[in-house]
Amino acid sequence: MHVLVAEDDPIIREALAGMFALEGYRVTAACDGGEALSVFEQDPCDVLVTDLRMPVLDGHALIRSTRRQRPDMPVVVVTGNLPKNAAELLDGDARRKTAILFKPVAFEAIVSTVKAFMAPAT
């Protein structure tokens, strides 16, 4: 499983990437939404973990762009603020595959949320 982490804070980005790697995921870490989108276009991920407020391309635009190609892709949003357009992130079928976690959040909670999305349906 491939996890794409888009986070502009280098400490958070590296901590998340390290935790996912320890769990056995293949991880790509991007410093902003623009870099994450470039990575995604070359090597689509199985799940996207993203902040919303980032330079170059924010998390909302990143999610819209990646979901055009993979509408069923799980997305874990990690943010410090309730997004004004949260309804857009949770609209329609995307609701089942979107989680919004608020900072500060334990890294373990982010990893367990990804695991829950990736678990086979029973």
PDB file of N, CA and C in Angstrom:
ATOM      1  N   MET A   1       0.832  -1.184   0.000  1.00  0.00           N
ATOM      2  CA  MET A   1       0.000   0.000   0.000  1.00  0.00           C
ATOM      3  C   MET A   1       0.881   1.254   0.000  1.00  0.00           C
ATOM      4  N   HIS A   2       0.478   2.204  -0.781  1.00  0.00           N
ATOM      5  CA  HIS A   2       1.235   3.444  -0.945  1.00  0.00           C
ATOM      6  C   HIS A   2       0.482   4.603  -0.299  1.00  0.00           C
ATOM      7  N   VAL A   3       1.127   5.268   0.662  1.00  0.00           N
ATOM      8  CA  VAL A   3       0.563   6.430   1.331  1.00  0.00           C
ATOM      9  C   VAL A   3       1.304   7.670   0.854  1.00  0.00           C
ATOM     10  N   LEU A   4       0.548   8.676   0.433  1.00  0.00           N
ATOM     11  CA  LEU A   4       1.115   9.966   0.062  1.00  0.00           C
ATOM     12  C   LEU A   4       0.792  10.955   1.179  1.00  0.00           C
ATOM     13  N   VAL A   5       1.834  11.507   1.788  1.00  0.00           N
ATOM     14  CA  VAL A   5       1.681  12.481   2.863  1.00  0.00           C
ATOM     15  C   VAL A   5       2.003  13.861   2.301  1.00  0.00           C
ATOM     16  N   ALA A   6       1.040  14.794   2.391  1.00  0.00           N
ATOM     17  CA  ALA A   6       1.249  16.180   1.956  1.00  0.00           C
ATOM     18  C   ALA A   6       1.134  17.072   3.186  1.00  0.00           C
ATOM     19  N   GLU A   7       2.265  17.599   3.618  1.00  0.00           N
ATOM     20  CA  GLU A   7       2.325  18.401   4.846  1.00  0.00           C
ATOM     21  C   GLU A   7       3.480  19.371   4.730  1.00  0.00           C
ATOM     22  N   ASP A   8       3.207  20.659   4.965  1.00  0.00           N
ATOM     23  CA  ASP A   8       4.274  21.649   4.823  1.00  0.00           C
ATOM     24  C   ASP A   8       5.163  21.773   6.054  1.00  0.00           C
ATOM     25  N   ASP A   9       4.733  21.280   7.200  1.00  0.00           N
ATOM     26  CA  ASP A   9       5.581  21.303   8.394  1.00  0.00           C
ATOM     27  C   ASP A   9       6.547  20.119   8.325  1.00  0.00           C
ATOM     28  N   PRO A  10       7.853  20.381   8.204  1.00  0.00           N
ATOM     29  CA  PRO A  10       8.801  19.275   8.001  1.00  0.00           C
ATOM     30  C   PRO A  10       8.852  18.283   9.158  1.00  0.00           C
ATOM     31  N   ILE A  11       8.639  18.744  10.370  1.00  0.00           N
ATOM     32  CA  ILE A  11       8.679  17.828  11.513  1.00  0.00           C
ATOM     33  C   ILE A  11       7.497  16.865  11.460  1.00  0.00           C
ATOM     34  N   ILE A  12       6.313  17.400  11.222  1.00  0.00           N
ATOM     35  CA  ILE A  12       5.118  16.551  11.121  1.00  0.00           C
ATOM     36  C   ILE A  12       5.227  15.623   9.920  1.00  0.00           C
ATOM     37  N   ARG A  13       5.666  16.165   8.781  1.00  0.00           N
ATOM     38  CA  ARG A  13       5.784  15.371   7.554  1.00  0.00           C
ATOM     39  C   ARG A  13       6.711  14.175   7.758  1.00  0.00           C
ATOM     40  N   GLU A  14       7.886  14.419   8.329  1.00  0.00           N
ATOM     41  CA  GLU A  14       8.849  13.329   8.517  1.00  0.00           C
ATOM     42  C   GLU A  14       8.385  12.333   9.575  1.00  0.00           C
ATOM     43  N   ALA A  15       7.728  12.825  10.628  1.00  0.00           N
ATOM     44  CA  ALA A  15       7.211  11.919  11.658  1.00  0.00           C
ATOM     45  C   ALA A  15       6.139  10.998  11.074  1.00  0.00           C
ATOM     46  N   LEU A  16       5.231  11.563  10.304  1.00  0.00           N
ATOM     47  CA  LEU A  16       4.191  10.741   9.679  1.00  0.00           C
ATOM     48  C   LEU A  16       4.790   9.736   8.701  1.00  0.00           C
ATOM     49  N   ALA A  17       5.692  10.197   7.876  1.00  0.00           N
ATOM     50  CA  ALA A  17       6.323   9.296   6.906  1.00  0.00           C
ATOM     51  C   ALA A  17       7.024   8.151   7.627  1.00  0.00           C
ATOM     52  N   GLY A  18       7.719   8.469   8.717  1.00  0.00           N
ATOM     53  CA  GLY A  18       8.411   7.437   9.478  1.00  0.00           C
ATOM     54  C   GLY A  18       7.464   6.437  10.107  1.00  0.00           C
ATOM     55  N   MET A  19       6.363   6.926  10.648  1.00  0.00           N
ATOM     56  CA  MET A  19       5.394   6.018  11.264  1.00  0.00           C
ATOM     57  C   MET A  19       4.748   5.102  10.236  1.00  0.00           C
ATOM     58  N   PHE A  20       4.388   5.649   9.089  1.00  0.00           N
ATOM     59  CA  PHE A  20       3.791   4.802   8.050  1.00  0.00           C
ATOM     60  C   PHE A  20       4.801   3.774   7.541  1.00  0.00           C
ATOM     61  N   ALA A  21       6.048   4.178   7.391  1.00  0.00           N
ATOM     62  CA  ALA A  21       7.094   3.247   6.958  1.00  0.00           C
ATOM     63  C   ALA A  21       7.268   2.116   7.971  1.00  0.00           C
ATOM     64  N   LEU A  22       7.238   2.443   9.256  1.00  0.00           N
ATOM     65  CA  LEU A  22       7.355   1.416  10.299  1.00  0.00           C
ATOM     66  C   LEU A  22       6.190   0.430  10.248  1.00  0.00           C
ATOM     67  N   GLU A  23       5.051   0.894   9.779  1.00  0.00           N
ATOM     68  CA  GLU A  23       3.875   0.021   9.658  1.00  0.00           C
ATOM     69  C   GLU A  23       3.912  -0.807   8.373  1.00  0.00           C
ATOM     70  N   GLY A  24       4.935  -0.609   7.558  1.00  0.00           N
ATOM     71  CA  GLY A  24       5.085  -1.404   6.345  1.00  0.00           C
ATOM     72  C   GLY A  24       4.501  -0.793   5.087  1.00  0.00           C
ATOM     73  N   TYR A  25       4.048   0.449   5.170  1.00  0.00           N
ATOM     74  CA  TYR A  25       3.525   1.126   3.987  1.00  0.00           C
ATOM     75  C   TYR A  25       4.674   1.704   3.167  1.00  0.00           C
ATOM     76  N   ARG A  26       4.458   1.788   1.869  1.00  0.00           N
ATOM     77  CA  ARG A  26       5.364   2.553   1.022  1.00  0.00           C
ATOM     78  C   ARG A  26       4.890   3.996   1.126  1.00  0.00           C
ATOM     79  N   VAL A  27       5.806   4.901   1.437  1.00  0.00           N
ATOM     80  CA  VAL A  27       5.429   6.282   1.731  1.00  0.00           C
ATOM     81  C   VAL A  27       6.154   7.248   0.816  1.00  0.00           C
ATOM     82  N   THR A  28       5.410   8.224   0.339  1.00  0.00           N
ATOM     83  CA  THR A  28       6.004   9.369  -0.344  1.00  0.00           C
ATOM     84  C   THR A  28       5.557  10.599   0.428  1.00  0.00           C
ATOM     85  N   ALA A  29       6.498  11.462   0.774  1.00  0.00           N
ATOM     86  CA  ALA A  29       6.192  12.677   1.519  1.00  0.00           C
ATOM     87  C   ALA A  29       6.437  13.889   0.634  1.00  0.00           C
ATOM     88  N   ALA A  30       5.458  14.791   0.613  1.00  0.00           N
ATOM     89  CA  ALA A  30       5.548  16.003  -0.198  1.00  0.00           C
ATOM     90  C   ALA A  30       5.410  17.222   0.714  1.00  0.00           C
ATOM     91  N   CYS A  31       6.160  18.286   0.379  1.00  0.00           N
ATOM     92  CA  CYS A  31       6.198  19.475   1.232  1.00  0.00           C
ATOM     93  C   CYS A  31       5.068  20.462   0.965  1.00  0.00           C
ATOM     94  N   ASP A  32       4.280  20.231  -0.077  1.00  0.00           N
ATOM     95  CA  ASP A  32       3.128  21.086  -0.354  1.00  0.00           C
ATOM     96  C   ASP A  32       2.214  20.368  -1.336  1.00  0.00           C
ATOM     97  N   GLY A  33       1.057  20.965  -1.576  1.00  0.00           N
ATOM     98  CA  GLY A  33       0.091  20.342  -2.463  1.00  0.00           C
ATOM     99  C   GLY A  33       0.555  20.207  -3.899  1.00  0.00           C
ATOM    100  N   GLY A  34       1.341  21.169  -4.366  1.00  0.00           N
ATOM    101  CA  GLY A  34       1.853  21.097  -5.741  1.00  0.00           C
ATOM    102  C   GLY A  34       2.783  19.921  -5.939  1.00  0.00           C
ATOM    103  N   GLU A  35       3.690  19.743  -4.990  1.00  0.00           N
ATOM    104  CA  GLU A  35       4.598  18.598  -5.070  1.00  0.00           C
ATOM    105  C   GLU A  35       3.816  17.290  -4.950  1.00  0.00           C
ATOM    106  N   ALA A  36       2.842  17.258  -4.055  1.00  0.00           N
ATOM    107  CA  ALA A  36       2.040  16.045  -3.872  1.00  0.00           C
ATOM    108  C   ALA A  36       1.286  15.688  -5.151  1.00  0.00           C
ATOM    109  N   LEU A  37       0.729  16.686  -5.826  1.00  0.00           N
ATOM    110  CA  LEU A  37       0.005  16.421  -7.061  1.00  0.00           C
ATOM    111  C   LEU A  37       0.948  15.896  -8.137  1.00  0.00           C
ATOM    112  N   SER A  38       2.144  16.450  -8.233  1.00  0.00           N
ATOM    113  CA  SER A  38       3.133  15.947  -9.199  1.00  0.00           C
ATOM    114  C   SER A  38       3.484  14.497  -8.913  1.00  0.00           C
ATOM    115  N   VAL A  39       3.679  14.187  -7.648  1.00  0.00           N
ATOM    116  CA  VAL A  39       3.977  12.802  -7.254  1.00  0.00           C
ATOM    117  C   VAL A  39       2.809  11.897  -7.631  1.00  0.00           C
ATOM    118  N   PHE A  40       1.599  12.326  -7.287  1.00  0.00           N
ATOM    119  CA  PHE A  40       0.405  11.528  -7.553  1.00  0.00           C
ATOM    120  C   PHE A  40       0.236  11.238  -9.041  1.00  0.00           C
ATOM    121  N   GLU A  41       0.503  12.234  -9.866  1.00  0.00           N
ATOM    122  CA  GLU A  41       0.348  12.047 -11.313  1.00  0.00           C
ATOM    123  C   GLU A  41       1.343  11.046 -11.874  1.00  0.00           C
ATOM    124  N   GLN A  42       2.500  10.918 -11.245  1.00  0.00           N
ATOM    125  CA  GLN A  42       3.516   9.957 -11.680  1.00  0.00           C
ATOM    126  C   GLN A  42       3.331   8.578 -11.047  1.00  0.00           C
ATOM    127  N   ASP A  43       2.833   8.564  -9.803  1.00  0.00           N
ATOM    128  CA  ASP A  43       2.745   7.325  -9.030  1.00  0.00           C
ATOM    129  C   ASP A  43       1.551   7.426  -8.078  1.00  0.00           C
ATOM    130  N   PRO A  44       0.327   7.170  -8.565  1.00  0.00           N
ATOM    131  CA  PRO A  44      -0.859   7.321  -7.721  1.00  0.00           C
ATOM    132  C   PRO A  44      -0.757   6.508  -6.430  1.00  0.00           C
ATOM    133  N   CYS A  45      -1.316   7.064  -5.388  1.00  0.00           N
ATOM    134  CA  CYS A  45      -1.254   6.412  -4.078  1.00  0.00           C
ATOM    135  C   CYS A  45      -2.550   5.663  -3.802  1.00  0.00           C
ATOM    136  N   ASP A  46      -2.522   4.880  -2.735  1.00  0.00           N
ATOM    137  CA  ASP A  46      -3.722   4.183  -2.280  1.00  0.00           C
ATOM    138  C   ASP A  46      -4.511   5.026  -1.290  1.00  0.00           C
ATOM    139  N   VAL A  47      -3.810   5.906  -0.580  1.00  0.00           N
ATOM    140  CA  VAL A  47      -4.455   6.799   0.382  1.00  0.00           C
ATOM    141  C   VAL A  47      -3.648   8.091   0.473  1.00  0.00           C
ATOM    142  N   LEU A  48      -4.371   9.202   0.608  1.00  0.00           N
ATOM    143  CA  LEU A  48      -3.752  10.515   0.730  1.00  0.00           C
ATOM    144  C   LEU A  48      -3.961  11.026   2.146  1.00  0.00           C
ATOM    145  N   VAL A  49      -2.877  11.454   2.787  1.00  0.00           N
ATOM    146  CA  VAL A  49      -2.936  12.108   4.093  1.00  0.00           C
ATOM    147  C   VAL A  49      -2.456  13.534   3.858  1.00  0.00           C
ATOM    148  N   THR A  50      -3.330  14.517   4.102  1.00  0.00           N
ATOM    149  CA  THR A  50      -2.982  15.887   3.735  1.00  0.00           C
ATOM    150  C   THR A  50      -3.433  16.918   4.757  1.00  0.00           C
ATOM    151  N   ASP A  51      -2.618  17.946   4.869  1.00  0.00           N
ATOM    152  CA  ASP A  51      -3.003  19.157   5.578  1.00  0.00           C
ATOM    153  C   ASP A  51      -3.868  19.955   4.611  1.00  0.00           C
ATOM    154  N   LEU A  52      -4.590  20.942   5.106  1.00  0.00           N
ATOM    155  CA  LEU A  52      -5.379  21.785   4.214  1.00  0.00           C
ATOM    156  C   LEU A  52      -4.661  23.072   3.856  1.00  0.00           C
ATOM    157  N   ARG A  53      -3.995  23.685   4.813  1.00  0.00           N
ATOM    158  CA  ARG A  53      -3.316  24.963   4.561  1.00  0.00           C
ATOM    159  C   ARG A  53      -1.866  24.681   4.217  1.00  0.00           C
ATOM    160  N   MET A  54      -1.568  24.795   2.925  1.00  0.00           N
ATOM    161  CA  MET A  54      -0.209  24.571   2.430  1.00  0.00           C
ATOM    162  C   MET A  54       0.074  25.569   1.324  1.00  0.00           C
ATOM    163  N   PRO A  55       1.356  25.872   1.112  1.00  0.00           N
ATOM    164  CA  PRO A  55       1.711  26.763  -0.002  1.00  0.00           C
ATOM    165  C   PRO A  55       1.560  26.056  -1.351  1.00  0.00           C
ATOM    166  N   VAL A  56       1.618  26.801  -2.374  1.00  0.00           N
ATOM    167  CA  VAL A  56       1.571  26.374  -3.780  1.00  0.00           C
ATOM    168  C   VAL A  56       0.184  25.868  -4.159  1.00  0.00           C
ATOM    169  N   LEU A  57      -0.283  24.819  -3.526  1.00  0.00           N
ATOM    170  CA  LEU A  57      -1.595  24.231  -3.809  1.00  0.00           C
ATOM    171  C   LEU A  57      -2.139  23.765  -2.468  1.00  0.00           C
ATOM    172  N   ASP A  58      -3.302  24.261  -2.068  1.00  0.00           N
ATOM    173  CA  ASP A  58      -3.809  23.872  -0.748  1.00  0.00           C
ATOM    174  C   ASP A  58      -4.426  22.472  -0.790  1.00  0.00           C
ATOM    175  N   GLY A  59      -4.769  21.979   0.383  1.00  0.00           N
ATOM    176  CA  GLY A  59      -5.303  20.625   0.488  1.00  0.00           C
ATOM    177  C   GLY A  59      -6.612  20.422  -0.236  1.00  0.00           C
ATOM    178  N   HIS A  60      -7.478  21.437  -0.238  1.00  0.00           N
ATOM    179  CA  HIS A  60      -8.752  21.324  -0.953  1.00  0.00           C
ATOM    180  C   HIS A  60      -8.511  21.074  -2.442  1.00  0.00           C
ATOM    181  N   ALA A  61      -7.650  21.869  -3.035  1.00  0.00           N
ATOM    182  CA  ALA A  61      -7.360  21.723  -4.467  1.00  0.00           C
ATOM    183  C   ALA A  61      -6.681  20.382  -4.743  1.00  0.00           C
ATOM    184  N   LEU A  62      -5.795  19.968  -3.853  1.00  0.00           N
ATOM    185  CA  LEU A  62      -5.129  18.673  -4.006  1.00  0.00           C
ATOM    186  C   LEU A  62      -6.144  17.543  -3.980  1.00  0.00           C
ATOM    187  N   ILE A  63      -7.056  17.578  -3.034  1.00  0.00           N
ATOM    188  CA  ILE A  63      -8.075  16.526  -2.933  1.00  0.00           C
ATOM    189  C   ILE A  63      -8.948  16.509  -4.182  1.00  0.00           C
ATOM    190  N   ARG A  64      -9.401  17.674  -4.628  1.00  0.00           N
ATOM    191  CA  ARG A  64     -10.228  17.735  -5.846  1.00  0.00           C
ATOM    192  C   ARG A  64      -9.488  17.142  -7.041  1.00  0.00           C
ATOM    193  N   SER A  65      -8.218  17.510  -7.190  1.00  0.00           N
ATOM    194  CA  SER A  65      -7.438  17.045  -8.345  1.00  0.00           C
ATOM    195  C   SER A  65      -7.202  15.545  -8.303  1.00  0.00           C
ATOM    196  N   THR A  66      -6.861  15.030  -7.141  1.00  0.00           N
ATOM    197  CA  THR A  66      -6.573  13.585  -7.056  1.00  0.00           C
ATOM    198  C   THR A  66      -7.850  12.766  -7.176  1.00  0.00           C
ATOM    199  N   ARG A  67      -8.948  13.293  -6.635  1.00  0.00           N
ATOM    200  CA  ARG A  67     -10.204  12.536  -6.713  1.00  0.00           C
ATOM    201  C   ARG A  67     -10.821  12.550  -8.105  1.00  0.00           C
ATOM    202  N   ARG A  68     -10.410  13.482  -8.950  1.00  0.00           N
ATOM    203  CA  ARG A  68     -10.864  13.421 -10.345  1.00  0.00           C
ATOM    204  C   ARG A  68     -10.342  12.142 -10.991  1.00  0.00           C
ATOM    205  N   GLN A  69      -9.132  11.766 -10.623  1.00  0.00           N
ATOM    206  CA  GLN A  69      -8.517  10.559 -11.179  1.00  0.00           C
ATOM    207  C   GLN A  69      -8.889   9.307 -10.393  1.00  0.00           C
ATOM    208  N   ARG A  70      -9.046   9.448  -9.079  1.00  0.00           N
ATOM    209  CA  ARG A  70      -9.354   8.306  -8.208  1.00  0.00           C
ATOM    210  C   ARG A  70     -10.468   8.690  -7.235  1.00  0.00           C
ATOM    211  N   PRO A  71     -11.725   8.710  -7.683  1.00  0.00           N
ATOM    212  CA  PRO A  71     -12.819   9.158  -6.823  1.00  0.00           C
ATOM    213  C   PRO A  71     -13.011   8.303  -5.572  1.00  0.00           C
ATOM    214  N   ASP A  72     -12.563   7.071  -5.608  1.00  0.00           N
ATOM    215  CA  ASP A  72     -12.741   6.166  -4.476  1.00  0.00           C
ATOM    216  C   ASP A  72     -11.568   6.172  -3.499  1.00  0.00           C
ATOM    217  N   MET A  73     -10.558   6.988  -3.758  1.00  0.00           N
ATOM    218  CA  MET A  73      -9.359   6.994  -2.922  1.00  0.00           C
ATOM    219  C   MET A  73      -9.662   7.562  -1.536  1.00  0.00           C
ATOM    220  N   PRO A  74      -9.251   6.848  -0.478  1.00  0.00           N
ATOM    221  CA  PRO A  74      -9.418   7.391   0.869  1.00  0.00           C
ATOM    222  C   PRO A  74      -8.513   8.601   1.087  1.00  0.00           C
ATOM    223  N   VAL A  75      -9.055   9.577   1.828  1.00  0.00           N
ATOM    224  CA  VAL A  75      -8.313  10.786   2.162  1.00  0.00           C
ATOM    225  C   VAL A  75      -8.448  11.028   3.661  1.00  0.00           C
ATOM    226  N   VAL A  76      -7.311  11.263   4.305  1.00  0.00           N
ATOM    227  CA  VAL A  76      -7.295  11.649   5.708  1.00  0.00           C
ATOM    228  C   VAL A  76      -6.796  13.085   5.758  1.00  0.00           C
ATOM    229  N   VAL A  77      -7.668  13.993   6.193  1.00  0.00           N
ATOM    230  CA  VAL A  77      -7.337  15.407   6.316  1.00  0.00           C
ATOM    231  C   VAL A  77      -6.903  15.656   7.752  1.00  0.00           C
ATOM    232  N   VAL A  78      -5.735  16.267   7.903  1.00  0.00           N
ATOM    233  CA  VAL A  78      -5.228  16.629   9.225  1.00  0.00           C
ATOM    234  C   VAL A  78      -5.097  18.144   9.227  1.00  0.00           C
ATOM    235  N   THR A  79      -5.897  18.798  10.058  1.00  0.00           N
ATOM    236  CA  THR A  79      -5.957  20.254  10.009  1.00  0.00           C
ATOM    237  C   THR A  79      -6.060  20.859  11.401  1.00  0.00           C
ATOM    238  N   GLY A  80      -5.651  22.086  11.498  1.00  0.00           N
ATOM    239  CA  GLY A  80      -5.750  22.808  12.758  1.00  0.00           C
ATOM    240  C   GLY A  80      -7.049  23.573  12.894  1.00  0.00           C
ATOM    241  N   ASN A  81      -7.796  23.700  11.830  1.00  0.00           N
ATOM    242  CA  ASN A  81      -9.036  24.479  11.846  1.00  0.00           C
ATOM    243  C   ASN A  81     -10.139  23.729  11.123  1.00  0.00           C
ATOM    244  N   LEU A  82     -11.370  23.962  11.572  1.00  0.00           N
ATOM    245  CA  LEU A  82     -12.505  23.396  10.860  1.00  0.00           C
ATOM    246  C   LEU A  82     -12.567  24.070   9.499  1.00  0.00           C
ATOM    247  N   PRO A  83     -12.443  23.295   8.430  1.00  0.00           N
ATOM    248  CA  PRO A  83     -12.476  23.917   7.107  1.00  0.00           C
ATOM    249  C   PRO A  83     -13.839  24.537   6.815  1.00  0.00           C
ATOM    250  N   LYS A  84     -13.808  25.746   6.244  1.00  0.00           N
ATOM    251  CA  LYS A  84     -15.047  26.442   5.904  1.00  0.00           C
ATOM    252  C   LYS A  84     -15.883  25.627   4.933  1.00  0.00           C
ATOM    253  N   ASN A  85     -15.217  24.939   4.045  1.00  0.00           N
ATOM    254  CA  ASN A  85     -15.938  24.148   3.058  1.00  0.00           C
ATOM    255  C   ASN A  85     -15.792  22.650   3.347  1.00  0.00           C
ATOM    256  N   ALA A  86     -15.951  22.272   4.617  1.00  0.00           N
ATOM    257  CA  ALA A  86     -15.875  20.860   5.001  1.00  0.00           C
ATOM    258  C   ALA A  86     -16.929  20.042   4.266  1.00  0.00           C
ATOM    259  N   ALA A  87     -18.076  20.652   4.011  1.00  0.00           N
ATOM    260  CA  ALA A  87     -19.134  19.931   3.306  1.00  0.00           C
ATOM    261  C   ALA A  87     -18.656  19.456   1.937  1.00  0.00           C
ATOM    262  N   GLU A  88     -17.807  20.247   1.296  1.00  0.00           N
ATOM    263  CA  GLU A  88     -17.260  19.861  -0.009  1.00  0.00           C
ATOM    264  C   GLU A  88     -16.391  18.610   0.126  1.00  0.00           C
ATOM    265  N   LEU A  89     -15.612  18.534   1.204  1.00  0.00           N
ATOM    266  CA  LEU A  89     -14.762  17.366   1.424  1.00  0.00           C
ATOM    267  C   LEU A  89     -15.580  16.124   1.722  1.00  0.00           C
ATOM    268  N   LEU A  90     -16.747  16.319   2.292  1.00  0.00           N
ATOM    269  CA  LEU A  90     -17.576  15.199   2.738  1.00  0.00           C
ATOM    270  C   LEU A  90     -18.820  15.032   1.886  1.00  0.00           C
ATOM    271  N   ASP A  91     -18.770  15.494   0.660  1.00  0.00           N
ATOM    272  CA  ASP A  91     -19.922  15.464  -0.215  1.00  0.00           C
ATOM    273  C   ASP A  91     -20.088  14.096  -0.873  1.00  0.00           C
ATOM    274  N   GLY A  92     -21.298  13.618  -0.930  1.00  0.00           N
ATOM    275  CA  GLY A  92     -21.637  12.419  -1.677  1.00  0.00           C
ATOM    276  C   GLY A  92     -20.860  11.179  -1.258  1.00  0.00           C
ATOM    277  N   ASP A  93     -20.426  10.421  -2.255  1.00  0.00           N
ATOM    278  CA  ASP A  93     -19.718   9.169  -2.010  1.00  0.00           C
ATOM    279  C   ASP A  93     -18.388   9.385  -1.313  1.00  0.00           C
ATOM    280  N   ALA A  94     -17.800  10.566  -1.455  1.00  0.00           N
ATOM    281  CA  ALA A  94     -16.508  10.840  -0.830  1.00  0.00           C
ATOM    282  C   ALA A  94     -16.600  10.766   0.693  1.00  0.00           C
ATOM    283  N   ARG A  95     -17.776  10.970   1.254  1.00  0.00           N
ATOM    284  CA  ARG A  95     -17.962  10.956   2.709  1.00  0.00           C
ATOM    285  C   ARG A  95     -17.457   9.648   3.310  1.00  0.00           C
ATOM    286  N   ARG A  96     -17.734   8.540   2.654  1.00  0.00           N
ATOM    287  CA  ARG A  96     -17.329   7.237   3.193  1.00  0.00           C
ATOM    288  C   ARG A  96     -15.823   7.055   3.190  1.00  0.00           C
ATOM    289  N   LYS A  97     -15.133   7.813   2.381  1.00  0.00           N
ATOM    290  CA  LYS A  97     -13.688   7.647   2.228  1.00  0.00           C
ATOM    291  C   LYS A  97     -12.912   8.876   2.662  1.00  0.00           C
ATOM    292  N   THR A  98     -13.495   9.685   3.541  1.00  0.00           N
ATOM    293  CA  THR A  98     -12.820  10.890   4.024  1.00  0.00           C
ATOM    294  C   THR A  98     -12.910  10.960   5.538  1.00  0.00           C
ATOM    295  N   ALA A  99     -11.788  11.237   6.163  1.00  0.00           N
ATOM    296  CA  ALA A  99     -11.757  11.479   7.601  1.00  0.00           C
ATOM    297  C   ALA A  99     -11.096  12.827   7.831  1.00  0.00           C
ATOM    298  N   ILE A 100     -11.629  13.591   8.770  1.00  0.00           N
ATOM    299  CA  ILE A 100     -11.027  14.871   9.139  1.00  0.00           C
ATOM    300  C   ILE A 100     -10.588  14.758  10.593  1.00  0.00           C
ATOM    301  N   LEU A 101      -9.286  14.913  10.816  1.00  0.00           N
ATOM    302  CA  LEU A 101      -8.702  14.859  12.153  1.00  0.00           C
ATOM    303  C   LEU A 101      -8.144  16.234  12.473  1.00  0.00           C
ATOM    304  N   PHE A 102      -8.321  16.662  13.699  1.00  0.00           N
ATOM    305  CA  PHE A 102      -7.918  18.012  14.085  1.00  0.00           C
ATOM    306  C   PHE A 102      -6.637  18.008  14.905  1.00  0.00           C
ATOM    307  N   LYS A 103      -5.727  18.909  14.514  1.00  0.00           N
ATOM    308  CA  LYS A 103      -4.478  19.085  15.247  1.00  0.00           C
ATOM    309  C   LYS A 103      -4.776  19.791  16.558  1.00  0.00           C
ATOM    310  N   PRO A 104      -4.108  19.475  17.622  1.00  0.00           N
ATOM    311  CA  PRO A 104      -3.099  18.428  17.691  1.00  0.00           C
ATOM    312  C   PRO A 104      -3.760  17.056  17.759  1.00  0.00           C
ATOM    313  N   VAL A 105      -3.211  16.118  17.038  1.00  0.00           N
ATOM    314  CA  VAL A 105      -3.712  14.750  17.002  1.00  0.00           C
ATOM    315  C   VAL A 105      -2.517  13.817  17.126  1.00  0.00           C
ATOM    316  N   ALA A 106      -2.693  12.744  17.834  1.00  0.00           N
ATOM    317  CA  ALA A 106      -1.615  11.762  17.973  1.00  0.00           C
ATOM    318  C   ALA A 106      -1.345  11.122  16.619  1.00  0.00           C
ATOM    319  N   PHE A 107      -0.073  10.975  16.296  1.00  0.00           N
ATOM    320  CA  PHE A 107       0.284  10.342  15.026  1.00  0.00           C
ATOM    321  C   PHE A 107      -0.322   8.945  14.923  1.00  0.00           C
ATOM    322  N   GLU A 108      -0.422   8.252  16.052  1.00  0.00           N
ATOM    323  CA  GLU A 108      -1.010   6.913  16.055  1.00  0.00           C
ATOM    324  C   GLU A 108      -2.464   6.939  15.591  1.00  0.00           C
ATOM    325  N   ALA A 109      -3.187   8.009  15.909  1.00  0.00           N
ATOM    326  CA  ALA A 109      -4.578   8.127  15.474  1.00  0.00           C
ATOM    327  C   ALA A 109      -4.661   8.277  13.957  1.00  0.00           C
ATOM    328  N   ILE A 110      -3.711   8.979  13.379  1.00  0.00           N
ATOM    329  CA  ILE A 110      -3.689   9.138  11.923  1.00  0.00           C
ATOM    330  C   ILE A 110      -3.399   7.791  11.268  1.00  0.00           C
ATOM    331  N   VAL A 111      -2.420   7.083  11.797  1.00  0.00           N
ATOM    332  CA  VAL A 111      -2.062   5.771  11.249  1.00  0.00           C
ATOM    333  C   VAL A 111      -3.237   4.803  11.387  1.00  0.00           C
ATOM    334  N   SER A 112      -3.911   4.801  12.529  1.00  0.00           N
ATOM    335  CA  SER A 112      -5.028   3.870  12.713  1.00  0.00           C
ATOM    336  C   SER A 112      -6.193   4.218  11.795  1.00  0.00           C
ATOM    337  N   THR A 113      -6.379   5.500  11.491  1.00  0.00           N
ATOM    338  CA  THR A 113      -7.426   5.897  10.553  1.00  0.00           C
ATOM    339  C   THR A 113      -7.113   5.365   9.155  1.00  0.00           C
ATOM    340  N   VAL A 114      -5.860   5.473   8.740  1.00  0.00           N
ATOM    341  CA  VAL A 114      -5.459   4.927   7.436  1.00  0.00           C
ATOM    342  C   VAL A 114      -5.655   3.420   7.422  1.00  0.00           C
ATOM    343  N   LYS A 115      -5.239   2.746   8.488  1.00  0.00           N
ATOM    344  CA  LYS A 115      -5.420   1.284   8.558  1.00  0.00           C
ATOM    345  C   LYS A 115      -6.887   0.895   8.416  1.00  0.00           C
ATOM    346  N   ALA A 116      -7.773   1.651   9.059  1.00  0.00           N
ATOM    347  CA  ALA A 116      -9.193   1.351   8.970  1.00  0.00           C
ATOM    348  C   ALA A 116      -9.694   1.491   7.526  1.00  0.00           C
ATOM    349  N   PHE A 117      -9.247   2.506   6.821  1.00  0.00           N
ATOM    350  CA  PHE A 117      -9.634   2.663   5.416  1.00  0.00           C
ATOM    351  C   PHE A 117      -9.103   1.528   4.551  1.00  0.00           C
ATOM    352  N   MET A 118      -7.911   1.041   4.882  1.00  0.00           N
ATOM    353  CA  MET A 118      -7.265   0.040   4.032  1.00  0.00           C
ATOM    354  C   MET A 118      -7.674  -1.388   4.382  1.00  0.00           C
ATOM    355  N   ALA A 119      -8.364  -1.573   5.507  1.00  0.00           N
ATOM    356  CA  ALA A 119      -8.783  -2.917   5.906  1.00  0.00           C
ATOM    357  C   ALA A 119      -9.805  -3.444   4.911  1.00  0.00           C
ATOM    358  N   PRO A 120      -9.722  -4.733   4.607  1.00  0.00           N
ATOM    359  CA  PRO A 120     -10.697  -5.307   3.678  1.00  0.00           C
ATOM    360  C   PRO A 120     -12.124  -5.217   4.250  1.00  0.00           C
ATOM    361  N   ALA A 121     -13.057  -4.938   3.389  1.00  0.00           N
ATOM    362  CA  ALA A 121     -14.464  -4.867   3.820  1.00  0.00           C
ATOM    363  C   ALA A 121     -14.955  -6.249   4.182  1.00  0.00           C
ATOM    364  N   THR A 122     -15.735  -6.306   5.243  1.00  0.00           N
ATOM    365  CA  THR A 122     -16.276  -7.613   5.661  1.00  0.00           C
ATOM    366  C   THR A 122     -17.758  -7.680   5.481  1.00  0.00           C
TER     367      THR A 122
END
